[in-house]
N, C-alpha and C. Protein backbone atom coordinates (compact mmCIF):
# COMPACT_ATOMS: atom_id res chain seq x y z
N MET A 1 132.84 152.53 22.32
CA MET A 1 133.32 153.89 22.02
C MET A 1 134.85 153.89 22.03
N PHE A 2 135.44 154.48 21.01
CA PHE A 2 136.90 154.54 20.93
C PHE A 2 137.44 155.67 21.79
N ARG A 3 138.47 155.37 22.57
CA ARG A 3 139.10 156.36 23.44
C ARG A 3 140.57 156.58 23.08
N VAL A 4 141.10 155.72 22.20
CA VAL A 4 142.49 155.81 21.78
C VAL A 4 142.57 155.49 20.30
N ILE A 5 143.47 156.15 19.59
CA ILE A 5 143.72 155.86 18.18
C ILE A 5 145.21 155.57 18.02
N THR A 6 145.54 154.48 17.32
CA THR A 6 146.94 154.24 16.95
C THR A 6 147.07 154.50 15.45
N VAL A 7 148.13 155.17 15.08
CA VAL A 7 148.36 155.50 13.68
C VAL A 7 149.72 154.96 13.25
N ALA A 8 149.71 153.89 12.47
CA ALA A 8 150.94 153.39 11.85
C ALA A 8 151.05 154.07 10.49
N ARG A 9 152.29 154.24 10.01
CA ARG A 9 152.41 155.01 8.77
C ARG A 9 153.67 154.65 8.00
N GLU A 10 153.53 154.64 6.68
CA GLU A 10 154.70 154.57 5.82
C GLU A 10 155.42 155.90 5.93
N TYR A 11 156.75 155.86 5.81
CA TYR A 11 157.51 157.09 5.90
C TYR A 11 157.21 157.98 4.69
N GLY A 12 156.86 159.22 4.97
CA GLY A 12 156.54 160.16 3.91
C GLY A 12 155.09 160.11 3.45
N SER A 13 154.28 159.30 4.12
CA SER A 13 152.87 159.19 3.72
C SER A 13 152.02 160.33 4.26
N GLY A 14 152.56 161.08 5.20
CA GLY A 14 151.76 162.14 5.83
C GLY A 14 151.02 161.64 7.05
N GLY A 15 151.36 160.42 7.50
CA GLY A 15 150.67 159.84 8.64
C GLY A 15 150.81 160.67 9.91
N GLY A 16 152.00 161.24 10.13
CA GLY A 16 152.21 162.07 11.30
C GLY A 16 151.36 163.33 11.26
N ILE A 17 151.24 163.91 10.08
CA ILE A 17 150.42 165.11 9.90
C ILE A 17 148.96 164.79 10.15
N ILE A 18 148.51 163.68 9.60
CA ILE A 18 147.12 163.25 9.77
C ILE A 18 146.82 163.00 11.24
N ALA A 19 147.74 162.33 11.92
CA ALA A 19 147.55 162.05 13.35
C ALA A 19 147.41 163.34 14.14
N ARG A 20 148.24 164.34 13.81
CA ARG A 20 148.16 165.63 14.51
C ARG A 20 146.82 166.31 14.25
N MET A 21 146.35 166.25 13.01
CA MET A 21 145.07 166.86 12.67
C MET A 21 143.92 166.20 13.43
N VAL A 22 143.99 164.88 13.53
CA VAL A 22 142.95 164.13 14.25
C VAL A 22 142.96 164.51 15.73
N ALA A 23 144.15 164.57 16.32
CA ALA A 23 144.26 164.91 17.74
C ALA A 23 143.71 166.32 18.00
N GLU A 24 144.03 167.25 17.10
CA GLU A 24 143.55 168.62 17.27
C GLU A 24 142.03 168.69 17.14
N LYS A 25 141.49 167.95 16.17
CA LYS A 25 140.04 167.97 15.96
C LYS A 25 139.29 167.38 17.16
N LEU A 26 139.84 166.32 17.74
CA LEU A 26 139.18 165.66 18.86
C LEU A 26 139.52 166.30 20.20
N GLY A 27 140.57 167.14 20.21
CA GLY A 27 141.01 167.72 21.46
C GLY A 27 141.75 166.71 22.33
N TRP A 28 142.40 165.74 21.68
CA TRP A 28 143.11 164.68 22.39
C TRP A 28 144.61 164.96 22.41
N ASN A 29 145.30 164.24 23.27
CA ASN A 29 146.76 164.34 23.33
C ASN A 29 147.37 163.58 22.16
N LEU A 30 148.46 164.13 21.60
CA LEU A 30 149.19 163.48 20.52
C LEU A 30 150.49 162.91 21.08
N LEU A 31 150.66 161.60 20.94
CA LEU A 31 151.89 160.95 21.39
C LEU A 31 152.68 160.53 20.16
N ASP A 32 153.57 161.41 19.75
CA ASP A 32 154.49 161.13 18.66
C ASP A 32 155.87 161.48 19.17
N GLY A 33 156.34 162.68 18.91
CA GLY A 33 157.59 163.11 19.51
C GLY A 33 157.49 163.16 21.03
N ALA A 34 156.30 163.50 21.53
CA ALA A 34 156.09 163.58 22.97
C ALA A 34 156.26 162.23 23.64
N LEU A 35 156.04 161.16 22.88
CA LEU A 35 156.19 159.82 23.44
C LEU A 35 157.66 159.55 23.79
N ILE A 36 158.56 160.05 22.95
CA ILE A 36 159.99 159.88 23.21
C ILE A 36 160.36 160.56 24.53
N GLY A 37 159.83 161.76 24.73
CA GLY A 37 160.09 162.46 25.98
C GLY A 37 159.54 161.72 27.18
N ALA A 38 158.34 161.14 27.02
CA ALA A 38 157.74 160.39 28.13
C ALA A 38 158.57 159.16 28.47
N VAL A 39 159.09 158.49 27.45
CA VAL A 39 159.94 157.32 27.67
C VAL A 39 161.23 157.74 28.36
N ALA A 40 161.82 158.84 27.91
CA ALA A 40 163.07 159.33 28.50
C ALA A 40 162.89 159.63 29.99
N ARG A 41 161.76 160.24 30.34
CA ARG A 41 161.50 160.55 31.75
C ARG A 41 161.29 159.28 32.55
N THR A 42 160.56 158.34 31.98
CA THR A 42 160.29 157.08 32.67
C THR A 42 161.58 156.28 32.89
N ALA A 43 162.43 156.25 31.86
CA ALA A 43 163.67 155.47 31.92
C ALA A 43 164.80 156.25 32.58
N GLU A 44 164.56 157.56 32.81
CA GLU A 44 165.56 158.44 33.40
C GLU A 44 166.84 158.50 32.55
N VAL A 45 166.63 158.73 31.25
CA VAL A 45 167.74 158.90 30.32
C VAL A 45 167.53 160.19 29.55
N ASP A 46 168.57 160.65 28.88
CA ASP A 46 168.48 161.87 28.09
C ASP A 46 167.55 161.65 26.90
N THR A 47 166.78 162.68 26.55
CA THR A 47 165.83 162.58 25.44
C THR A 47 166.55 162.27 24.13
N GLU A 48 167.73 162.80 23.94
CA GLU A 48 168.49 162.55 22.72
C GLU A 48 168.85 161.06 22.60
N ILE A 49 169.20 160.45 23.71
CA ILE A 49 169.53 159.02 23.72
C ILE A 49 168.30 158.20 23.37
N ALA A 50 167.17 158.55 23.98
CA ALA A 50 165.93 157.84 23.69
C ALA A 50 165.55 158.01 22.22
N GLY A 51 165.77 159.20 21.68
CA GLY A 51 165.43 159.46 20.29
C GLY A 51 166.23 158.61 19.32
N ARG A 52 167.48 158.36 19.64
CA ARG A 52 168.32 157.53 18.77
C ARG A 52 167.85 156.09 18.75
N CYS A 53 167.18 155.66 19.80
CA CYS A 53 166.72 154.26 19.89
C CYS A 53 165.27 154.10 19.45
N ASP A 54 164.62 155.21 19.12
CA ASP A 54 163.19 155.20 18.80
C ASP A 54 162.89 154.40 17.54
N GLU A 55 161.95 153.45 17.62
CA GLU A 55 161.54 152.60 16.49
C GLU A 55 162.75 152.01 15.77
N HIS A 56 163.69 151.56 16.55
CA HIS A 56 164.96 151.07 16.01
C HIS A 56 165.26 149.69 16.57
N VAL A 57 165.92 148.86 15.78
CA VAL A 57 166.37 147.55 16.23
C VAL A 57 167.89 147.55 16.16
N ASP A 58 168.53 147.22 17.26
CA ASP A 58 169.99 147.20 17.28
C ASP A 58 170.54 146.11 16.37
N SER A 59 171.76 146.30 15.91
CA SER A 59 172.41 145.31 15.06
C SER A 59 172.64 144.02 15.83
N TRP A 60 172.79 142.92 15.11
CA TRP A 60 173.02 141.63 15.76
C TRP A 60 174.31 141.69 16.57
N TRP A 61 175.29 142.49 16.14
CA TRP A 61 176.57 142.59 16.85
C TRP A 61 176.37 143.23 18.22
N HIS A 62 175.55 144.28 18.25
CA HIS A 62 175.26 144.95 19.53
C HIS A 62 174.52 143.99 20.46
N ARG A 63 173.53 143.30 19.91
CA ARG A 63 172.74 142.39 20.73
C ARG A 63 173.61 141.25 21.25
N PHE A 64 174.55 140.78 20.44
CA PHE A 64 175.45 139.71 20.85
C PHE A 64 176.37 140.18 21.98
N ASN A 65 176.88 141.40 21.83
CA ASN A 65 177.84 141.90 22.81
C ASN A 65 177.20 142.41 24.09
N ARG A 66 175.90 142.70 24.05
CA ARG A 66 175.23 143.20 25.25
C ARG A 66 175.36 142.22 26.41
N GLY A 67 175.18 140.94 26.10
CA GLY A 67 175.32 139.93 27.14
C GLY A 67 176.72 139.87 27.68
N GLY A 68 177.72 140.04 26.79
CA GLY A 68 179.10 140.01 27.22
C GLY A 68 179.44 141.18 28.12
N LEU A 69 178.92 142.36 27.80
CA LEU A 69 179.17 143.54 28.62
C LEU A 69 178.55 143.37 30.00
N ARG A 70 177.38 142.81 30.03
CA ARG A 70 176.69 142.59 31.31
C ARG A 70 177.45 141.58 32.16
N SER A 71 177.93 140.51 31.52
CA SER A 71 178.69 139.49 32.24
C SER A 71 179.99 140.07 32.80
N ALA A 72 180.63 140.92 31.99
CA ALA A 72 181.87 141.54 32.43
C ALA A 72 181.64 142.43 33.65
N ALA A 73 180.53 143.14 33.64
CA ALA A 73 180.20 144.02 34.76
C ALA A 73 179.95 143.20 36.02
N ILE A 74 179.26 142.07 35.86
CA ILE A 74 178.97 141.21 37.00
C ILE A 74 180.27 140.63 37.56
N MET A 75 181.18 140.23 36.66
CA MET A 75 182.46 139.68 37.09
C MET A 75 183.29 140.74 37.82
N ALA A 76 183.04 142.00 37.50
CA ALA A 76 183.76 143.09 38.15
C ALA A 76 183.15 143.43 39.50
N GLY A 77 182.10 142.70 39.87
CA GLY A 77 181.48 142.90 41.17
C GLY A 77 180.34 143.89 41.19
N ILE A 78 179.83 144.25 39.99
CA ILE A 78 178.71 145.19 39.91
C ILE A 78 177.42 144.40 39.82
N ALA A 79 176.48 144.68 40.69
CA ALA A 79 175.21 143.96 40.71
C ALA A 79 174.46 144.20 39.41
N PRO A 80 173.80 143.16 38.85
CA PRO A 80 173.07 143.30 37.58
C PRO A 80 172.09 144.46 37.57
N ASP A 81 171.40 144.70 38.69
CA ASP A 81 170.41 145.77 38.73
C ASP A 81 171.05 147.14 38.65
N ASP A 82 172.37 147.20 38.96
CA ASP A 82 173.06 148.49 38.92
C ASP A 82 173.64 148.80 37.54
N VAL A 83 173.56 147.81 36.66
CA VAL A 83 174.12 147.98 35.33
C VAL A 83 173.01 148.42 34.37
N GLN A 84 173.08 149.62 33.87
CA GLN A 84 172.04 150.15 33.00
C GLN A 84 172.55 150.23 31.57
N PHE A 85 172.01 149.41 30.69
CA PHE A 85 172.37 149.46 29.27
C PHE A 85 171.13 149.92 28.51
N PHE A 86 171.06 151.22 28.23
CA PHE A 86 169.88 151.70 27.51
C PHE A 86 170.14 151.59 26.02
N ASP A 87 169.39 150.71 25.37
CA ASP A 87 169.54 150.48 23.94
C ASP A 87 168.16 150.32 23.34
N ALA A 88 168.09 149.80 22.13
CA ALA A 88 166.79 149.65 21.45
C ALA A 88 165.86 148.73 22.22
N ASP A 89 166.39 147.66 22.80
CA ASP A 89 165.56 146.74 23.58
C ASP A 89 164.94 147.45 24.78
N ALA A 90 165.76 148.22 25.49
CA ALA A 90 165.26 148.96 26.64
C ALA A 90 164.23 149.99 26.20
N MET A 91 164.50 150.66 25.07
CA MET A 91 163.57 151.65 24.55
C MET A 91 162.22 151.01 24.24
N ALA A 92 162.25 149.85 23.62
CA ALA A 92 161.00 149.15 23.28
C ALA A 92 160.22 148.78 24.53
N THR A 93 160.92 148.34 25.56
CA THR A 93 160.27 147.95 26.81
C THR A 93 159.60 149.15 27.48
N PHE A 94 160.34 150.24 27.59
CA PHE A 94 159.78 151.44 28.22
C PHE A 94 158.68 152.05 27.37
N THR A 95 158.83 151.98 26.05
CA THR A 95 157.79 152.50 25.16
C THR A 95 156.48 151.75 25.37
N GLN A 96 156.57 150.44 25.50
CA GLN A 96 155.36 149.64 25.73
C GLN A 96 154.67 150.06 27.03
N ARG A 97 155.46 150.33 28.06
CA ARG A 97 154.88 150.77 29.34
C ARG A 97 154.16 152.09 29.20
N VAL A 98 154.78 153.02 28.47
CA VAL A 98 154.19 154.34 28.28
C VAL A 98 152.90 154.23 27.47
N ILE A 99 152.89 153.38 26.45
CA ILE A 99 151.70 153.19 25.62
C ILE A 99 150.56 152.62 26.44
N LEU A 100 150.84 151.62 27.25
CA LEU A 100 149.81 151.00 28.08
C LEU A 100 149.25 152.00 29.09
N LYS A 101 150.12 152.81 29.66
CA LYS A 101 149.67 153.82 30.61
C LYS A 101 148.80 154.87 29.92
N ALA A 102 149.20 155.27 28.72
CA ALA A 102 148.42 156.26 27.97
C ALA A 102 147.05 155.72 27.62
N ALA A 103 146.98 154.43 27.29
CA ALA A 103 145.70 153.81 26.92
C ALA A 103 144.74 153.80 28.10
N VAL A 104 145.26 153.65 29.30
CA VAL A 104 144.41 153.66 30.49
C VAL A 104 143.79 155.05 30.67
N THR A 105 144.59 156.07 30.44
CA THR A 105 144.10 157.45 30.55
C THR A 105 143.13 157.77 29.43
N GLY A 106 143.45 157.31 28.22
CA GLY A 106 142.58 157.51 27.07
C GLY A 106 142.70 158.89 26.45
N ASP A 107 141.84 159.17 25.47
CA ASP A 107 141.81 160.45 24.77
C ASP A 107 143.18 160.83 24.22
N CYS A 108 143.76 159.91 23.45
CA CYS A 108 145.08 160.17 22.87
C CYS A 108 145.22 159.49 21.52
N VAL A 109 146.10 160.06 20.69
CA VAL A 109 146.45 159.50 19.39
C VAL A 109 147.92 159.11 19.48
N ILE A 110 148.20 157.82 19.30
CA ILE A 110 149.56 157.30 19.44
C ILE A 110 150.10 156.96 18.05
N VAL A 111 151.23 157.55 17.71
CA VAL A 111 151.81 157.36 16.37
C VAL A 111 152.92 156.31 16.42
N GLY A 112 152.77 155.25 15.62
CA GLY A 112 153.81 154.24 15.48
C GLY A 112 154.18 153.53 16.75
N ARG A 113 155.47 153.13 16.86
CA ARG A 113 156.05 152.49 18.04
C ARG A 113 155.39 151.17 18.42
N GLY A 114 154.73 150.52 17.48
CA GLY A 114 154.12 149.23 17.75
C GLY A 114 152.86 149.29 18.59
N ALA A 115 152.27 150.48 18.70
CA ALA A 115 151.07 150.64 19.53
C ALA A 115 149.92 149.76 19.05
N GLN A 116 149.86 149.54 17.72
CA GLN A 116 148.77 148.70 17.19
C GLN A 116 148.90 147.26 17.66
N CYS A 117 150.11 146.85 18.02
CA CYS A 117 150.33 145.49 18.55
C CYS A 117 150.15 145.46 20.06
N VAL A 118 150.70 146.46 20.73
CA VAL A 118 150.59 146.54 22.19
C VAL A 118 149.13 146.58 22.61
N LEU A 119 148.31 147.31 21.86
CA LEU A 119 146.91 147.52 22.23
C LEU A 119 145.94 146.75 21.34
N GLN A 120 146.43 145.71 20.69
CA GLN A 120 145.61 144.98 19.73
C GLN A 120 144.33 144.41 20.33
N ASP A 121 144.37 143.98 21.57
CA ASP A 121 143.20 143.36 22.20
C ASP A 121 142.38 144.34 23.03
N HIS A 122 142.68 145.62 22.94
CA HIS A 122 141.91 146.62 23.68
C HIS A 122 140.74 147.09 22.83
N GLU A 123 139.55 146.87 23.29
CA GLU A 123 138.35 147.14 22.49
C GLU A 123 138.12 148.62 22.21
N GLU A 124 138.63 149.50 23.07
CA GLU A 124 138.35 150.92 22.91
C GLU A 124 139.43 151.65 22.10
N VAL A 125 140.20 150.87 21.33
CA VAL A 125 141.28 151.46 20.53
C VAL A 125 141.01 151.26 19.04
N LEU A 126 141.10 152.34 18.27
CA LEU A 126 140.94 152.30 16.82
C LEU A 126 142.33 152.27 16.19
N HIS A 127 142.59 151.26 15.35
CA HIS A 127 143.89 151.11 14.72
C HIS A 127 143.83 151.53 13.25
N VAL A 128 144.74 152.43 12.86
CA VAL A 128 144.74 152.98 11.51
C VAL A 128 146.13 152.84 10.89
N PHE A 129 146.16 152.52 9.60
CA PHE A 129 147.43 152.50 8.86
C PHE A 129 147.33 153.48 7.70
N ILE A 130 148.33 154.36 7.58
CA ILE A 130 148.35 155.36 6.52
C ILE A 130 149.45 155.00 5.51
N TYR A 131 149.08 154.96 4.25
CA TYR A 131 150.06 154.70 3.19
C TYR A 131 149.82 155.70 2.06
N ALA A 132 150.73 155.72 1.10
CA ALA A 132 150.60 156.66 -0.02
C ALA A 132 151.44 156.17 -1.18
N PRO A 133 151.13 156.61 -2.40
CA PRO A 133 151.93 156.24 -3.57
C PRO A 133 153.38 156.66 -3.40
N TRP A 134 154.28 155.89 -3.97
CA TRP A 134 155.72 156.14 -3.83
C TRP A 134 156.11 157.57 -4.25
N ALA A 135 155.64 158.00 -5.41
CA ALA A 135 156.00 159.33 -5.91
C ALA A 135 155.57 160.43 -4.95
N GLU A 136 154.39 160.26 -4.36
CA GLU A 136 153.89 161.26 -3.42
C GLU A 136 154.75 161.29 -2.16
N ARG A 137 155.17 160.13 -1.71
CA ARG A 137 156.02 160.05 -0.52
C ARG A 137 157.38 160.70 -0.79
N VAL A 138 157.95 160.42 -1.95
CA VAL A 138 159.24 161.01 -2.31
C VAL A 138 159.12 162.52 -2.36
N GLY A 139 158.07 163.01 -2.98
CA GLY A 139 157.87 164.45 -3.07
C GLY A 139 157.71 165.10 -1.72
N ARG A 140 156.97 164.45 -0.83
CA ARG A 140 156.75 165.03 0.51
C ARG A 140 158.05 165.07 1.31
N VAL A 141 158.80 163.98 1.28
CA VAL A 141 160.05 163.92 2.04
C VAL A 141 161.08 164.88 1.46
N ARG A 142 161.07 165.04 0.15
CA ARG A 142 162.06 165.91 -0.52
C ARG A 142 161.91 167.37 -0.07
N THR A 143 160.73 167.75 0.36
CA THR A 143 160.51 169.14 0.79
C THR A 143 161.05 169.41 2.19
N ARG A 144 161.44 168.35 2.90
CA ARG A 144 161.97 168.53 4.25
C ARG A 144 163.45 168.88 4.17
N ALA A 145 163.83 169.88 4.94
CA ALA A 145 165.20 170.39 4.88
C ALA A 145 166.22 169.33 5.27
N GLN A 146 165.85 168.43 6.20
CA GLN A 146 166.81 167.45 6.70
C GLN A 146 166.81 166.16 5.89
N ALA A 147 166.05 166.11 4.82
CA ALA A 147 165.91 164.86 4.07
C ALA A 147 167.21 164.42 3.40
N GLY A 148 167.99 165.37 2.89
CA GLY A 148 169.23 165.02 2.21
C GLY A 148 168.96 164.64 0.76
N PRO A 149 170.02 164.37 0.01
CA PRO A 149 169.87 164.10 -1.42
C PRO A 149 169.28 162.73 -1.76
N ASP A 150 169.60 161.71 -0.95
CA ASP A 150 169.16 160.36 -1.28
C ASP A 150 167.82 160.05 -0.61
N VAL A 151 166.78 160.71 -1.08
CA VAL A 151 165.45 160.61 -0.46
C VAL A 151 164.89 159.20 -0.56
N GLU A 152 165.02 158.58 -1.72
CA GLU A 152 164.42 157.26 -1.92
C GLU A 152 165.04 156.22 -0.98
N ARG A 153 166.34 156.31 -0.78
CA ARG A 153 166.99 155.37 0.13
C ARG A 153 166.53 155.63 1.57
N LEU A 154 166.38 156.89 1.95
CA LEU A 154 165.91 157.25 3.28
C LEU A 154 164.54 156.63 3.55
N ILE A 155 163.65 156.73 2.57
CA ILE A 155 162.30 156.18 2.72
C ILE A 155 162.36 154.66 2.88
N SER A 156 163.13 154.02 2.02
CA SER A 156 163.23 152.55 2.07
C SER A 156 163.81 152.07 3.39
N VAL A 157 164.87 152.73 3.85
CA VAL A 157 165.52 152.34 5.11
C VAL A 157 164.57 152.54 6.29
N THR A 158 163.87 153.68 6.31
CA THR A 158 162.97 153.96 7.42
C THR A 158 161.82 152.97 7.46
N ASP A 159 161.24 152.67 6.31
CA ASP A 159 160.17 151.67 6.24
C ASP A 159 160.67 150.32 6.74
N HIS A 160 161.89 149.96 6.31
CA HIS A 160 162.46 148.68 6.71
C HIS A 160 162.65 148.63 8.23
N GLU A 161 163.10 149.72 8.83
CA GLU A 161 163.30 149.75 10.27
C GLU A 161 161.99 149.63 11.02
N ARG A 162 160.95 150.27 10.52
CA ARG A 162 159.65 150.20 11.18
C ARG A 162 159.07 148.79 11.09
N ALA A 163 159.23 148.17 9.94
CA ALA A 163 158.75 146.80 9.77
C ALA A 163 159.55 145.85 10.66
N SER A 164 160.87 146.05 10.71
CA SER A 164 161.74 145.21 11.53
C SER A 164 161.42 145.37 13.01
N TYR A 165 161.07 146.58 13.42
CA TYR A 165 160.73 146.85 14.81
C TYR A 165 159.53 146.01 15.26
N LEU A 166 158.48 146.01 14.46
CA LEU A 166 157.29 145.22 14.80
C LEU A 166 157.57 143.72 14.75
N ARG A 167 158.34 143.31 13.77
CA ARG A 167 158.66 141.89 13.63
C ARG A 167 159.52 141.40 14.80
N THR A 168 160.49 142.21 15.21
CA THR A 168 161.41 141.82 16.28
C THR A 168 160.75 141.80 17.65
N TYR A 169 159.99 142.84 17.97
CA TYR A 169 159.45 142.97 19.32
C TYR A 169 158.03 142.43 19.51
N TYR A 170 157.29 142.28 18.40
CA TYR A 170 155.91 141.82 18.55
C TYR A 170 155.55 140.65 17.63
N GLY A 171 156.47 140.25 16.77
CA GLY A 171 156.20 139.14 15.88
C GLY A 171 155.08 139.44 14.90
N CYS A 172 154.93 140.71 14.54
CA CYS A 172 153.83 141.13 13.66
C CYS A 172 154.36 141.61 12.31
N ASP A 173 153.55 141.39 11.28
CA ASP A 173 153.82 141.94 9.96
C ASP A 173 153.24 143.35 9.93
N TRP A 174 154.11 144.32 9.75
CA TRP A 174 153.74 145.73 9.82
C TRP A 174 152.51 146.08 8.97
N LYS A 175 152.39 145.48 7.80
CA LYS A 175 151.30 145.82 6.88
C LYS A 175 150.20 144.77 6.85
N ASP A 176 150.13 143.93 7.85
CA ASP A 176 149.06 142.94 7.95
C ASP A 176 147.73 143.68 8.15
N PRO A 177 146.80 143.58 7.21
CA PRO A 177 145.54 144.32 7.34
C PRO A 177 144.72 143.94 8.57
N HIS A 178 144.98 142.74 9.10
CA HIS A 178 144.21 142.29 10.26
C HIS A 178 144.60 143.04 11.54
N LEU A 179 145.67 143.83 11.49
CA LEU A 179 146.06 144.63 12.65
C LEU A 179 145.26 145.92 12.74
N TYR A 180 144.56 146.26 11.66
CA TYR A 180 143.94 147.59 11.58
C TYR A 180 142.44 147.54 11.31
N HIS A 181 141.77 148.59 11.79
CA HIS A 181 140.37 148.79 11.44
C HIS A 181 140.26 149.53 10.11
N MET A 182 141.24 150.41 9.85
CA MET A 182 141.22 151.23 8.64
C MET A 182 142.61 151.30 8.05
N MET A 183 142.70 151.17 6.73
CA MET A 183 143.95 151.40 6.00
C MET A 183 143.62 152.46 4.96
N ILE A 184 144.23 153.64 5.10
CA ILE A 184 143.83 154.79 4.29
C ILE A 184 144.97 155.24 3.38
N ASN A 185 144.65 155.40 2.11
CA ASN A 185 145.60 155.95 1.14
C ASN A 185 145.57 157.47 1.25
N ALA A 186 146.68 158.06 1.69
CA ALA A 186 146.72 159.51 1.91
C ALA A 186 146.62 160.30 0.62
N GLN A 187 146.58 159.62 -0.51
CA GLN A 187 146.42 160.31 -1.78
C GLN A 187 145.07 161.03 -1.84
N ILE A 188 144.13 160.63 -1.00
CA ILE A 188 142.83 161.30 -0.95
C ILE A 188 142.95 162.68 -0.29
N GLY A 189 144.11 162.95 0.31
CA GLY A 189 144.32 164.23 0.98
C GLY A 189 144.37 164.05 2.49
N THR A 190 145.25 164.78 3.14
CA THR A 190 145.40 164.62 4.59
C THR A 190 144.13 165.04 5.34
N ARG A 191 143.47 166.07 4.87
CA ARG A 191 142.25 166.53 5.54
C ARG A 191 141.14 165.49 5.45
N MET A 192 140.99 164.91 4.26
CA MET A 192 139.97 163.88 4.09
C MET A 192 140.29 162.66 4.94
N ALA A 193 141.55 162.26 4.96
CA ALA A 193 141.95 161.10 5.76
C ALA A 193 141.67 161.35 7.24
N ALA A 194 142.03 162.55 7.71
CA ALA A 194 141.79 162.89 9.11
C ALA A 194 140.29 162.89 9.42
N ARG A 195 139.51 163.40 8.47
CA ARG A 195 138.06 163.45 8.69
C ARG A 195 137.46 162.06 8.78
N MET A 196 137.97 161.12 7.98
CA MET A 196 137.47 159.74 8.03
C MET A 196 137.74 159.12 9.39
N ILE A 197 138.92 159.38 9.94
CA ILE A 197 139.27 158.81 11.25
C ILE A 197 138.41 159.43 12.35
N VAL A 198 138.26 160.74 12.30
CA VAL A 198 137.44 161.43 13.30
C VAL A 198 136.00 160.93 13.24
N ASN A 199 135.47 160.76 12.03
CA ASN A 199 134.10 160.27 11.89
C ASN A 199 133.94 158.87 12.47
N ALA A 200 134.98 158.03 12.31
CA ALA A 200 134.91 156.68 12.87
C ALA A 200 134.84 156.73 14.39
N VAL A 201 135.59 157.65 14.98
CA VAL A 201 135.58 157.79 16.44
C VAL A 201 134.27 158.38 16.93
N GLN A 202 133.81 159.41 16.26
CA GLN A 202 132.58 160.09 16.70
C GLN A 202 131.33 159.30 16.38
N GLY A 203 131.49 158.26 15.54
CA GLY A 203 130.34 157.41 15.23
C GLY A 203 129.85 156.65 16.45
N GLY A 204 130.74 156.52 17.43
CA GLY A 204 130.33 155.93 18.71
C GLY A 204 130.36 154.44 18.79
N GLY A 205 130.77 153.75 17.72
CA GLY A 205 130.78 152.29 17.78
C GLY A 205 132.01 151.75 17.11
N HIS A 206 132.05 150.44 16.94
CA HIS A 206 133.19 149.78 16.31
C HIS A 206 132.91 149.59 14.82
N LEU A 207 133.99 149.50 14.06
CA LEU A 207 133.84 149.35 12.61
C LEU A 207 133.62 147.89 12.26
């Protein structure tokens, strides 16, 4: 019996909307934006800071200099444990902890953040990937007030960051079909996609 659902999604595919619909239908907790807040509380950092590091990989320059900053602090007489550098690496570590804790509790839908990799060997977790035709994704993102004029570049960059996140922290190919039980084209409609996922969970067994 499935007790957790992970939803990976192309940007603009409607995956977040579908995940919310599934959570509402099942009466489960939705961990999407709420996951950022949970990480912020766990790491004891501001939610805005955690949000900037969410599903993000720091530049090679930042990663190179992180060691130098830590060494400088140690040379200044500050104990390593007292030096807190909250960046994408720290965010990924705390996110993994929150995901594992949520999986123990169960009855939740986790959106993105590498949850399909973190929980890959957990038998009670259903892994779903949502994708959609390019034109549909562009149209959906274009309706968002914060999208800006260069919608196509925004979609490409966001997809690249999500793929890079999984590759960097879990060594996984974001679109590897073997990571998922279901890969759904949202062109069938968000309601239909949500219904398919709910039916898989309520079916009571594995796919």
